[in-house]
Amino acid sequence: MIAALILVPILAGLALYLLPRSADALAKWIGVLIAFGAFAIAIGYNGAPDESLRWLQRPFTANFHVGLGGLSYWIVLLLSLTTGCALLAMRVSRQRDFVASMLVLLGTMTGVFIARDLLLFALFWDFMLIPVFLILVAWAPGKSAGSAWRYLIYNLTGGLALLLATAAYGVVEGSTDVIGLAAGHGATAIGAVWGIWIFAGYAFAFLVKTPAWPFHTWMPDTYADLPAPAVAVVSAVQSKAGLYGFLAIAAPLLPDQMREATTPLFMIGLIGLVYGGLIALVQDDAKRVVAYSSLSHLGLILLAVFSGNPIAIGGAAVYIVAHGLFSAGLFLTIGQVESREDTRLISRLGGLAARNPKLAGALTIVALAALGLPGLCGFAGEILILTGLYQAGAIVATVIALVPIVLAAAYMLRLFQGFMHGPELADIPERKDMRPLEILALAPLVIAMVLLGVYPEPVANVSPSVSTISLPSAGIR
C-alpha cells in the first residue's frame, strides 16, 4: 500500500534504536535497503488508486488520504534515491543513530509529497523538521546548536502559518481533503478576504521552506553544518516542498490569489536568482558555494512557477528534479573530499586530480550538470524555463536570468579548479581515490542526470492542471 512509503521508514528508524550501539554496519545496510526498497515500491505504485481513511469530521472533514502520481511521483523517486545513495556513501560517527534519523526523515518527507489532505500535508510539514534538527544538534561541527535552532525557529514559524491557513481553509470550505482536485476548487466559495489571508499563510510557509530571498537566512549555516549525507537529502528534496506547495496547492486551489501575488513573488524569485549567484561566486567554503547556488537555482524555478507559461512550468518540474540530483551529487562529492582532507575550503585544497582521477571525474560530471551543460539535467530545465519566460513576454526577466546562469559556470569551474587543479599544498596528507562503495553511491545519481538531460518529457508533462491556469507574466518586460 502507498502508506507503507511513510510508515515503513519511520517505524524502521525507530526500531533501529533497539539494536546495540555496536551494530553500526548492520544499521547502515538496513537503511540502504529500506531507502532503495522505497524507490522500487514507488515505481510500482505509480498511478495506483489513492488510499483514504476517515480521520476528522468536526470542525471540518479531514482524511488520512495519500496518493502517488504527477509531480509527487518524481519527487518521491528523487527522495528515496538520494537517501539510499547518501546512506551508502556516508562516513559519520554513531551510524546507528544517524541512519535512524535519516529513515524518519525519509518517511516524514514522503508524507509531505504524497498527502492528498491539506491537514495531513501540514502535519508532515512540521514532522520532517524534527530529524533534521536532531542531526544538526548531534552532528554539527563543534556541537554548535546555533544553526539547529535557527533552522527550527524559521521553519516552525512557517509551519505555524501553514497550519493556521489550513485550519481556515477547512472551516470555510468544510473539508481539507482537496489536494489533487480540479484547478479552482473552492476559489469562489472562499471569497476575497479569506482567500488573501489563506494564501498569505501558504505563501509565507512555502517561501521560508524553499528557501527564497529574503527568507533564506537559515539556509547557509544549516547546509554548512549538516553532515554531507544529510545535507544531500535536505537540499535535494526538502527545499522543494515549498515549490511543490505552490504548484500542487496554491495554484489549483487559490488561483485568483495566486494571480494577484504574481508580481511580488516573481520579483522575489528574480532577486534571489541574481543574489544567490553573486554570493556563491565569492565563497571559499565549498558547501556554501553550493548552498548559495541553490538559492539562485530555486529563484529560477520560482520565476517559472509564476510565469503563467505552460512550457516554463513544465521546465520548473524538470528543474526541481534536476536540481535535486546535481545538488545531492555535489554535496556527496564535497563530503568525500572533506573526509579525506579534513577541509572543504577552496583556498586550502588543490591538485586532487593527480592522485584522485575517479573523484575528479565524479565532480566534473555533477559540476557540469549544475552549470547547465547540454545533455545533462540542468540544461533541460533551464532551457525550458527560459523559453517559457520569453514566450510569457517577460523579456527583461529572461535577459536578467541569463546572468546568474553564466555566473554558475564561473563558480562551479572555480570550485572544480580549486579542488582538482590548483597548486598542491605541501601540508595536505596522502590522498586516496574513491572507494568502490563511494562510486556505487554516486553512479545512480549520475545515470539519472544523463537520463533526465536527454529525455525530460515525462517529468515536464506531469502538471497539466497547473499548466492550464492562466497566470499573468508579472508585468516585467
Protein backbone atom coordinates (compact mmCIF):
# COMPACT_ATOMS: atom_id res chain seq x y z
CA MET A 1 0.00 0.00 0.00
CA ILE A 2 1.08 3.57 -0.64
CA ALA A 3 1.01 4.45 3.07
CA ALA A 4 3.87 1.97 3.55
CA LEU A 5 6.16 4.55 1.93
CA ILE A 6 5.56 6.64 5.05
CA LEU A 7 5.15 4.04 7.77
CA VAL A 8 7.95 1.58 6.99
CA PRO A 9 10.86 4.09 7.06
CA ILE A 10 9.55 5.79 10.23
CA LEU A 11 8.95 2.52 12.10
CA ALA A 12 12.26 1.09 10.89
CA GLY A 13 14.09 4.22 12.00
CA LEU A 14 12.58 4.00 15.48
CA ALA A 15 13.26 0.25 15.63
CA LEU A 16 16.96 0.79 14.93
CA TYR A 17 17.34 2.11 18.48
CA LEU A 18 16.70 -1.46 19.67
CA LEU A 19 19.99 -2.51 18.07
CA PRO A 20 23.16 -2.29 20.15
CA ARG A 21 25.33 0.75 19.51
CA SER A 22 28.00 -1.52 18.09
CA ALA A 23 25.70 -2.58 15.22
CA ASP A 24 26.57 0.41 13.03
CA ALA A 25 27.30 -1.64 9.90
CA LEU A 26 24.02 -3.55 10.19
CA ALA A 27 22.09 -0.29 10.71
CA LYS A 28 23.68 1.21 7.61
CA TRP A 29 22.66 -1.68 5.36
CA ILE A 30 19.15 -1.75 6.81
CA GLY A 31 18.83 1.93 5.95
CA VAL A 32 20.19 1.43 2.43
CA LEU A 33 17.80 -1.48 1.75
CA ILE A 34 14.78 0.43 3.05
CA ALA A 35 15.60 3.55 1.00
CA PHE A 36 16.16 1.67 -2.26
CA GLY A 37 13.19 -0.56 -1.43
CA ALA A 38 11.04 2.58 -1.18
CA PHE A 39 12.38 3.59 -4.61
CA ALA A 40 11.30 0.25 -6.09
CA ILE A 41 7.89 0.35 -4.40
CA ALA A 42 7.26 3.90 -5.61
CA ILE A 43 7.94 2.82 -9.20
CA GLY A 44 5.39 0.03 -8.84
CA TYR A 45 2.73 2.29 -7.28
CA ASN A 46 2.79 4.98 -9.97
CA GLY A 47 -0.82 5.59 -10.96
CA ALA A 48 -2.19 3.26 -8.28
CA PRO A 49 -5.55 4.24 -6.69
CA ASP A 50 -5.37 6.63 -3.76
CA GLU A 51 -5.77 5.33 -0.22
CA SER A 52 -8.03 7.16 2.21
CA LEU A 53 -9.17 6.69 5.79
CA ARG A 54 -11.69 8.97 7.54
CA TRP A 55 -9.83 10.89 10.19
CA LEU A 56 -11.72 14.00 11.34
CA GLN A 57 -15.32 15.17 10.89
CA ARG A 58 -15.51 18.33 13.01
CA PRO A 59 -15.00 21.26 12.64
CA PHE A 60 -14.23 20.11 9.07
CA THR A 61 -13.68 16.86 7.22
CA ALA A 62 -10.12 15.59 7.06
CA ASN A 63 -8.85 12.21 5.87
CA PHE A 64 -5.63 10.24 6.02
CA HIS A 65 -5.57 10.42 2.23
CA VAL A 66 -2.42 9.56 0.29
CA GLY A 67 -1.73 9.13 -3.41
CA LEU A 68 1.21 8.88 -5.74
CA GLY A 69 1.18 10.49 -9.16
CA GLY A 70 2.17 13.54 -11.16
CA LEU A 71 4.99 15.66 -9.78
CA SER A 72 4.82 13.95 -6.37
CA TYR A 73 5.76 10.65 -8.04
CA TRP A 74 9.02 12.05 -9.39
CA ILE A 75 9.88 13.83 -6.14
CA VAL A 76 9.31 10.65 -4.11
CA LEU A 77 11.59 8.77 -6.50
CA LEU A 78 14.18 11.54 -6.08
CA LEU A 79 13.85 11.39 -2.30
CA SER A 80 14.27 7.63 -1.96
CA LEU A 81 17.11 7.56 -4.50
CA THR A 82 19.12 10.35 -2.85
CA THR A 83 18.53 8.88 0.62
CA GLY A 84 19.78 5.47 -0.50
CA CYS A 85 22.85 6.97 -2.18
CA ALA A 86 23.59 9.19 0.82
CA LEU A 87 23.42 6.28 3.28
CA LEU A 88 25.53 4.12 1.01
CA ALA A 89 28.31 6.75 0.90
CA MET A 90 28.09 8.01 4.49
CA ARG A 91 31.14 8.29 6.72
CA VAL A 92 29.82 9.62 10.03
CA SER A 93 30.13 8.68 13.69
CA ARG A 94 27.32 6.85 15.53
CA GLN A 95 25.91 5.42 12.33
CA ARG A 96 23.01 3.63 14.03
CA ASP A 97 21.57 6.87 15.35
CA PHE A 98 22.30 8.73 12.12
CA VAL A 99 20.57 6.11 9.95
CA ALA A 100 17.58 6.12 12.31
CA SER A 101 17.21 9.89 11.90
CA MET A 102 17.59 9.65 8.12
CA LEU A 103 14.89 6.97 7.86
CA VAL A 104 12.48 9.06 9.92
CA LEU A 105 13.31 11.98 7.63
CA LEU A 106 12.61 9.79 4.59
CA GLY A 107 9.20 8.77 5.92
CA THR A 108 8.07 12.23 7.04
CA MET A 109 9.21 13.93 3.81
CA THR A 110 7.44 11.25 1.77
CA GLY A 111 4.31 12.10 3.75
CA VAL A 112 4.52 15.73 2.60
CA PHE A 113 4.60 14.80 -1.08
CA ILE A 114 2.02 12.02 -1.15
CA ALA A 115 -0.51 13.66 1.21
CA ARG A 116 -3.78 14.49 -0.54
CA ASP A 117 -5.31 16.16 2.50
CA LEU A 118 -4.16 19.66 3.48
CA LEU A 119 -4.15 18.88 7.21
CA LEU A 120 -2.07 15.74 6.67
CA PHE A 121 0.27 17.78 4.46
CA ALA A 122 0.65 20.42 7.19
CA LEU A 123 1.38 17.87 9.91
CA PHE A 124 4.09 16.12 7.94
CA TRP A 125 5.46 19.57 7.02
CA ASP A 126 6.28 20.07 10.71
CA PHE A 127 7.22 16.46 11.50
CA MET A 128 10.02 16.49 8.91
CA LEU A 129 11.77 19.27 10.87
CA ILE A 130 12.46 17.01 13.85
CA PRO A 131 15.07 14.63 12.36
CA VAL A 132 16.96 17.49 10.68
CA PHE A 133 17.05 19.41 13.96
CA LEU A 134 18.33 16.33 15.83
CA ILE A 135 21.02 15.71 13.20
CA LEU A 136 22.18 19.33 13.46
CA VAL A 137 22.36 19.16 17.24
CA ALA A 138 24.19 15.82 17.33
CA TRP A 139 26.50 16.06 14.31
CA ALA A 140 27.11 19.77 13.67
CA PRO A 141 30.82 20.72 13.92
CA GLY A 142 31.78 21.69 17.46
CA LYS A 143 28.31 20.71 18.68
CA SER A 144 27.15 24.25 17.96
CA ALA A 145 23.37 24.45 18.23
CA GLY A 146 23.02 27.88 16.61
CA SER A 147 22.21 26.62 13.12
CA ALA A 148 19.90 23.96 14.57
CA TRP A 149 17.77 26.45 16.46
CA ARG A 150 17.78 28.91 13.56
CA TYR A 151 16.57 26.15 11.25
CA LEU A 152 13.86 25.09 13.70
CA ILE A 153 12.57 28.57 14.55
CA TYR A 154 12.38 29.76 10.95
CA ASN A 155 10.69 26.63 9.69
CA LEU A 156 8.37 26.21 12.66
CA THR A 157 7.18 29.77 12.11
CA GLY A 158 6.41 28.88 8.50
CA GLY A 159 4.78 25.65 9.67
CA LEU A 160 2.53 27.54 12.08
CA ALA A 161 1.40 29.86 9.27
CA LEU A 162 0.72 26.80 7.12
CA LEU A 163 -1.31 25.12 9.86
CA LEU A 164 -3.40 28.24 10.52
CA ALA A 165 -4.07 28.68 6.80
CA THR A 166 -5.08 25.02 6.55
CA ALA A 167 -7.46 25.32 9.50
CA ALA A 168 -9.02 28.44 7.97
CA TYR A 169 -9.42 26.68 4.62
CA GLY A 170 -11.06 23.71 6.32
CA VAL A 171 -13.52 25.85 8.27
CA VAL A 172 -14.50 27.91 5.22
CA GLU A 173 -14.68 25.01 2.75
CA GLY A 174 -15.78 22.27 5.12
CA SER A 175 -13.01 19.89 4.05
CA THR A 176 -9.23 19.79 3.69
CA ASP A 177 -9.26 16.66 1.50
CA VAL A 178 -8.70 18.68 -1.66
CA ILE A 179 -5.13 18.23 -2.93
CA GLY A 180 -5.24 16.95 -6.48
CA LEU A 181 -8.76 18.15 -7.21
CA ALA A 182 -9.58 20.25 -10.26
CA ALA A 183 -7.99 23.68 -10.51
CA GLY A 184 -10.03 26.44 -8.91
CA HIS A 185 -11.87 24.17 -6.45
CA GLY A 186 -13.38 26.33 -3.76
CA ALA A 187 -11.95 29.58 -5.12
CA THR A 188 -15.36 31.26 -5.36
CA ALA A 189 -16.67 29.96 -2.06
CA ILE A 190 -13.63 31.16 -0.13
CA GLY A 191 -14.13 34.78 -1.08
CA ALA A 192 -11.66 37.60 -1.44
CA VAL A 193 -10.85 38.38 2.21
CA TRP A 194 -10.44 34.82 3.44
CA GLY A 195 -8.63 33.88 0.24
CA ILE A 196 -6.00 36.58 0.71
CA TRP A 197 -5.20 35.53 4.28
CA ILE A 198 -5.16 31.81 3.49
CA PHE A 199 -2.89 32.35 0.50
CA ALA A 200 -0.62 34.62 2.57
CA GLY A 201 -0.17 31.85 5.14
CA TYR A 202 0.65 29.27 2.49
CA ALA A 203 2.95 31.60 0.55
CA PHE A 204 4.94 32.54 3.67
CA ALA A 205 5.45 28.89 4.63
CA PHE A 206 6.41 27.92 1.08
CA LEU A 207 8.90 30.79 0.69
CA VAL A 208 10.61 30.01 4.01
CA LYS A 209 10.94 26.33 3.14
CA THR A 210 12.19 26.86 -0.43
CA PRO A 211 14.19 28.95 0.80
CA ALA A 212 13.59 32.10 -1.23
CA TRP A 213 15.17 35.51 -0.69
CA PRO A 214 14.83 37.18 1.87
CA PHE A 215 13.59 34.18 3.90
CA HIS A 216 16.76 32.19 3.21
CA THR A 217 18.98 33.23 6.11
CA TRP A 218 18.57 29.91 7.94
CA MET A 219 19.86 28.00 4.93
CA PRO A 220 23.65 28.73 4.59
CA ASP A 221 24.56 27.70 8.14
CA THR A 222 22.23 24.71 8.03
CA TYR A 223 23.73 23.42 4.80
CA ALA A 224 27.28 24.07 6.03
CA ASP A 225 26.77 22.31 9.38
CA LEU A 226 24.78 19.26 8.29
CA PRO A 227 26.87 16.15 7.52
CA ALA A 228 27.20 15.54 3.78
CA PRO A 229 24.65 12.65 3.60
CA ALA A 230 22.00 14.69 5.41
CA VAL A 231 22.51 17.94 3.51
CA ALA A 232 22.43 16.00 0.24
CA VAL A 233 18.87 14.89 1.03
CA VAL A 234 17.71 18.19 2.57
CA SER A 235 18.98 20.28 -0.34
CA ALA A 236 17.74 17.79 -2.93
CA VAL A 237 14.21 17.32 -1.65
CA GLN A 238 13.18 19.25 1.47
CA SER A 239 13.90 22.56 -0.26
CA LYS A 240 11.43 21.53 -3.00
CA ALA A 241 8.50 21.25 -0.61
CA GLY A 242 7.68 24.96 -0.94
CA LEU A 243 7.84 24.93 -4.73
CA TYR A 244 5.70 21.79 -4.77
CA GLY A 245 3.24 23.58 -2.49
CA PHE A 246 2.85 26.46 -4.93
CA LEU A 247 2.29 24.06 -7.84
CA ALA A 248 0.12 21.43 -6.15
CA ILE A 249 -1.82 23.53 -3.63
CA ALA A 250 -1.76 27.29 -4.18
CA ALA A 251 -2.16 27.33 -7.96
CA PRO A 252 -5.02 24.81 -8.23
CA LEU A 253 -6.93 25.77 -5.05
CA LEU A 254 -6.35 29.54 -4.89
CA PRO A 255 -5.81 30.67 -8.49
CA ASP A 256 -7.25 34.17 -8.04
CA GLN A 257 -4.96 34.91 -5.10
CA MET A 258 -2.05 33.34 -6.97
CA ARG A 259 -2.62 35.76 -9.86
CA GLU A 260 -2.79 38.76 -7.55
CA ALA A 261 0.51 37.79 -5.89
CA THR A 262 2.34 37.09 -9.14
CA THR A 263 4.30 40.35 -9.42
CA PRO A 264 5.86 40.45 -5.90
CA LEU A 265 6.64 36.73 -5.90
CA PHE A 266 8.08 36.94 -9.40
CA MET A 267 10.35 39.73 -8.14
CA ILE A 268 11.38 37.66 -5.11
CA GLY A 269 12.45 34.87 -7.44
CA LEU A 270 14.35 37.27 -9.70
CA ILE A 271 16.25 38.89 -6.81
CA GLY A 272 17.11 35.52 -5.30
CA LEU A 273 18.32 34.28 -8.66
CA VAL A 274 20.83 37.12 -9.02
CA TYR A 275 21.76 37.46 -5.34
CA GLY A 276 22.46 33.76 -4.87
CA GLY A 277 24.71 33.61 -7.92
CA LEU A 278 26.75 36.65 -6.87
CA ILE A 279 27.25 35.43 -3.29
CA ALA A 280 28.20 31.92 -4.46
CA LEU A 281 30.92 33.46 -6.61
CA VAL A 282 32.88 34.77 -3.60
CA GLN A 283 32.51 31.90 -1.12
CA ASP A 284 35.57 29.91 -0.04
CA ASP A 285 33.63 27.15 1.73
CA ALA A 286 32.57 24.65 -0.95
CA LYS A 287 29.35 23.79 0.90
CA ARG A 288 28.37 27.45 0.99
CA VAL A 289 29.10 27.76 -2.73
CA VAL A 290 26.54 25.03 -3.36
CA ALA A 291 24.14 26.50 -0.78
CA TYR A 292 24.06 29.93 -2.40
CA SER A 293 23.96 28.40 -5.87
CA SER A 294 20.83 26.58 -4.70
CA LEU A 295 19.31 29.93 -3.70
CA SER A 296 19.95 31.09 -7.27
CA HIS A 297 18.61 27.92 -8.91
CA LEU A 298 15.49 27.87 -6.74
CA GLY A 299 14.88 31.52 -7.65
CA LEU A 300 14.84 30.48 -11.30
CA ILE A 301 12.22 27.82 -10.53
CA LEU A 302 10.13 30.40 -8.67
CA LEU A 303 10.19 32.61 -11.79
CA ALA A 304 8.89 29.70 -13.83
CA VAL A 305 6.11 28.91 -11.36
CA PHE A 306 4.81 32.49 -11.54
CA SER A 307 5.37 33.00 -15.24
CA GLY A 308 1.96 31.57 -16.16
CA ASN A 309 3.51 29.79 -19.14
CA PRO A 310 2.98 26.01 -19.56
CA ILE A 311 6.47 25.48 -21.00
CA ALA A 312 8.11 27.33 -18.10
CA ILE A 313 6.02 25.43 -15.56
CA GLY A 314 6.98 22.14 -17.20
CA GLY A 315 10.58 23.33 -17.04
CA ALA A 316 10.09 24.06 -13.34
CA ALA A 317 9.07 20.43 -12.77
CA VAL A 318 12.15 19.23 -14.66
CA TYR A 319 14.46 21.61 -12.79
CA ILE A 320 13.02 20.60 -9.41
CA VAL A 321 14.18 17.04 -10.08
CA ALA A 322 17.39 18.13 -11.85
CA HIS A 323 18.47 20.40 -9.01
CA GLY A 324 17.82 17.61 -6.55
CA LEU A 325 20.10 15.27 -8.49
CA PHE A 326 23.07 17.56 -9.01
CA SER A 327 22.90 19.27 -5.59
CA ALA A 328 22.91 15.85 -3.90
CA GLY A 329 25.82 14.82 -6.11
CA LEU A 330 27.76 17.98 -5.28
CA PHE A 331 27.28 17.68 -1.53
CA LEU A 332 28.20 13.99 -1.51
CA THR A 333 31.33 14.67 -3.58
CA ILE A 334 32.35 17.59 -1.37
CA GLY A 335 31.77 15.34 1.64
CA GLN A 336 34.14 12.77 0.19
CA VAL A 337 36.80 15.45 -0.28
CA GLU A 338 36.30 16.76 3.26
CA SER A 339 36.50 13.27 4.80
CA ARG A 340 39.90 12.79 3.12
CA GLU A 341 41.46 16.22 3.55
CA ASP A 342 39.71 17.42 6.72
CA THR A 343 38.76 20.67 4.96
CA ARG A 344 36.40 21.86 2.27
CA LEU A 345 37.86 25.34 1.80
CA ILE A 346 38.77 26.01 -1.82
CA SER A 347 41.81 28.04 -0.74
CA ARG A 348 43.14 25.11 1.31
CA LEU A 349 42.89 22.48 -1.42
CA GLY A 350 44.47 21.85 -4.78
CA GLY A 351 45.91 19.18 -7.02
CA LEU A 352 43.44 16.45 -6.07
CA ALA A 353 43.00 15.27 -9.67
CA ALA A 354 46.56 13.93 -9.97
CA ARG A 355 46.01 11.21 -7.38
CA ASN A 356 42.20 11.08 -7.40
CA PRO A 357 41.12 10.71 -11.05
CA LYS A 358 37.85 8.97 -10.11
CA LEU A 359 36.91 11.71 -7.65
CA ALA A 360 37.83 14.32 -10.25
CA GLY A 361 35.64 12.58 -12.82
CA ALA A 362 32.67 12.45 -10.46
CA LEU A 363 32.98 16.13 -9.54
CA THR A 364 33.33 17.02 -13.23
CA ILE A 365 30.01 15.41 -14.15
CA VAL A 366 27.95 16.87 -11.29
CA ALA A 367 29.53 20.33 -11.71
CA LEU A 368 28.76 20.30 -15.44
CA ALA A 369 25.16 19.31 -14.69
CA ALA A 370 24.91 22.20 -12.22
CA LEU A 371 26.26 24.75 -14.68
CA GLY A 372 23.84 23.58 -17.38
CA LEU A 373 25.88 21.60 -19.89
CA PRO A 374 23.66 20.41 -22.78
CA GLY A 375 22.85 16.73 -22.47
CA LEU A 376 22.68 16.83 -18.68
CA CYS A 377 19.68 17.51 -16.46
CA GLY A 378 20.48 21.14 -15.58
CA PHE A 379 20.35 22.28 -19.18
CA ALA A 380 16.99 20.60 -19.87
CA GLY A 381 15.28 22.51 -17.05
CA GLU A 382 16.97 25.83 -17.77
CA ILE A 383 16.18 25.90 -21.48
CA LEU A 384 12.51 25.08 -20.88
CA ILE A 385 12.20 27.78 -18.22
CA LEU A 386 13.95 30.44 -20.31
CA THR A 387 11.87 29.57 -23.37
CA GLY A 388 8.69 29.79 -21.33
CA LEU A 389 9.67 33.11 -19.75
CA TYR A 390 10.35 34.56 -23.19
CA GLN A 391 7.02 33.31 -24.53
CA ALA A 392 5.26 34.78 -21.50
CA GLY A 393 6.57 38.21 -22.50
CA ALA A 394 8.96 38.57 -19.56
CA ILE A 395 11.80 39.66 -21.85
CA VAL A 396 13.72 41.69 -19.25
CA ALA A 397 13.47 38.88 -16.71
CA THR A 398 14.71 36.39 -19.30
CA VAL A 399 17.77 38.53 -20.01
CA ILE A 400 18.46 39.06 -16.30
CA ALA A 401 18.10 35.31 -15.68
CA LEU A 402 20.92 34.66 -18.15
CA VAL A 403 23.42 36.49 -15.92
CA PRO A 404 23.26 34.03 -12.96
CA ILE A 405 23.33 31.14 -15.42
CA VAL A 406 26.66 32.50 -16.69
CA LEU A 407 27.78 33.01 -13.06
CA ALA A 408 27.01 29.33 -12.40
CA ALA A 409 29.70 28.39 -14.89
CA ALA A 410 32.13 30.71 -13.10
CA TYR A 411 31.61 29.49 -9.53
CA MET A 412 31.34 25.82 -10.47
CA LEU A 413 34.52 25.95 -12.53
CA ARG A 414 36.21 27.90 -9.72
CA LEU A 415 35.22 25.18 -7.23
CA PHE A 416 36.38 22.39 -9.55
CA GLN A 417 39.62 24.15 -10.45
CA GLY A 418 40.41 24.95 -6.83
CA PHE A 419 39.85 21.38 -5.71
CA MET A 420 41.34 19.46 -8.59
CA HIS A 421 43.90 21.56 -10.44
CA GLY A 422 45.02 24.28 -8.07
CA PRO A 423 48.51 24.34 -6.53
CA GLU A 424 49.08 21.25 -4.40
CA LEU A 425 49.75 22.33 -0.82
CA ALA A 426 52.68 20.72 0.99
CA ASP A 427 50.80 20.10 4.26
CA ILE A 428 47.99 18.11 2.64
CA PRO A 429 48.26 14.40 3.61
CA GLU A 430 48.45 11.42 1.24
CA ARG A 431 45.36 11.36 -0.99
CA LYS A 432 43.24 8.27 -1.62
CA ASP A 433 40.85 7.95 -4.52
CA MET A 434 37.17 7.00 -4.35
CA ARG A 435 36.36 3.59 -2.92
CA PRO A 436 34.08 1.19 -4.87
CA LEU A 437 31.22 1.85 -2.45
CA GLU A 438 31.51 5.61 -2.98
CA ILE A 439 31.48 5.13 -6.75
CA LEU A 440 28.42 2.90 -6.41
CA ALA A 441 26.68 5.58 -4.32
CA LEU A 442 27.19 8.32 -6.94
CA ALA A 443 26.51 6.16 -10.01
CA PRO A 444 22.66 6.19 -9.77
CA LEU A 445 22.65 9.98 -9.44
CA VAL A 446 24.93 10.41 -12.47
CA ILE A 447 22.84 8.00 -14.55
CA ALA A 448 19.69 9.89 -13.59
CA MET A 449 21.31 13.22 -14.54
CA VAL A 450 22.04 11.89 -18.01
CA LEU A 451 18.63 10.27 -18.50
CA LEU A 452 16.75 13.41 -17.43
CA GLY A 453 19.03 15.53 -19.60
CA VAL A 454 18.32 13.59 -22.79
CA TYR A 455 14.67 12.72 -22.08
CA PRO A 456 12.96 15.30 -19.81
CA GLU A 457 9.49 14.92 -21.35
CA PRO A 458 7.94 12.55 -18.75
CA VAL A 459 8.74 14.99 -15.95
CA ALA A 460 7.85 18.12 -17.94
CA ASN A 461 4.32 16.80 -18.60
CA VAL A 462 3.34 15.92 -15.03
CA SER A 463 1.34 19.03 -14.13
CA PRO A 464 -1.30 19.66 -16.79
CA SER A 465 -3.79 21.05 -14.26
CA VAL A 466 -1.23 23.61 -13.15
CA SER A 467 -0.10 24.44 -16.66
CA THR A 468 -3.61 25.39 -17.76
CA ILE A 469 -4.00 28.04 -15.06
CA SER A 470 -3.73 31.44 -16.70
CA LEU A 471 -1.33 33.44 -14.55
CA PRO A 472 -0.09 36.81 -15.82
CA SER A 473 3.58 37.17 -16.64
CA ALA A 474 4.24 39.56 -13.73
CA GLY A 475 4.35 42.62 -15.96
CA ILE A 476 8.14 42.52 -16.37
CA ARG A 477 9.03 43.24 -19.96
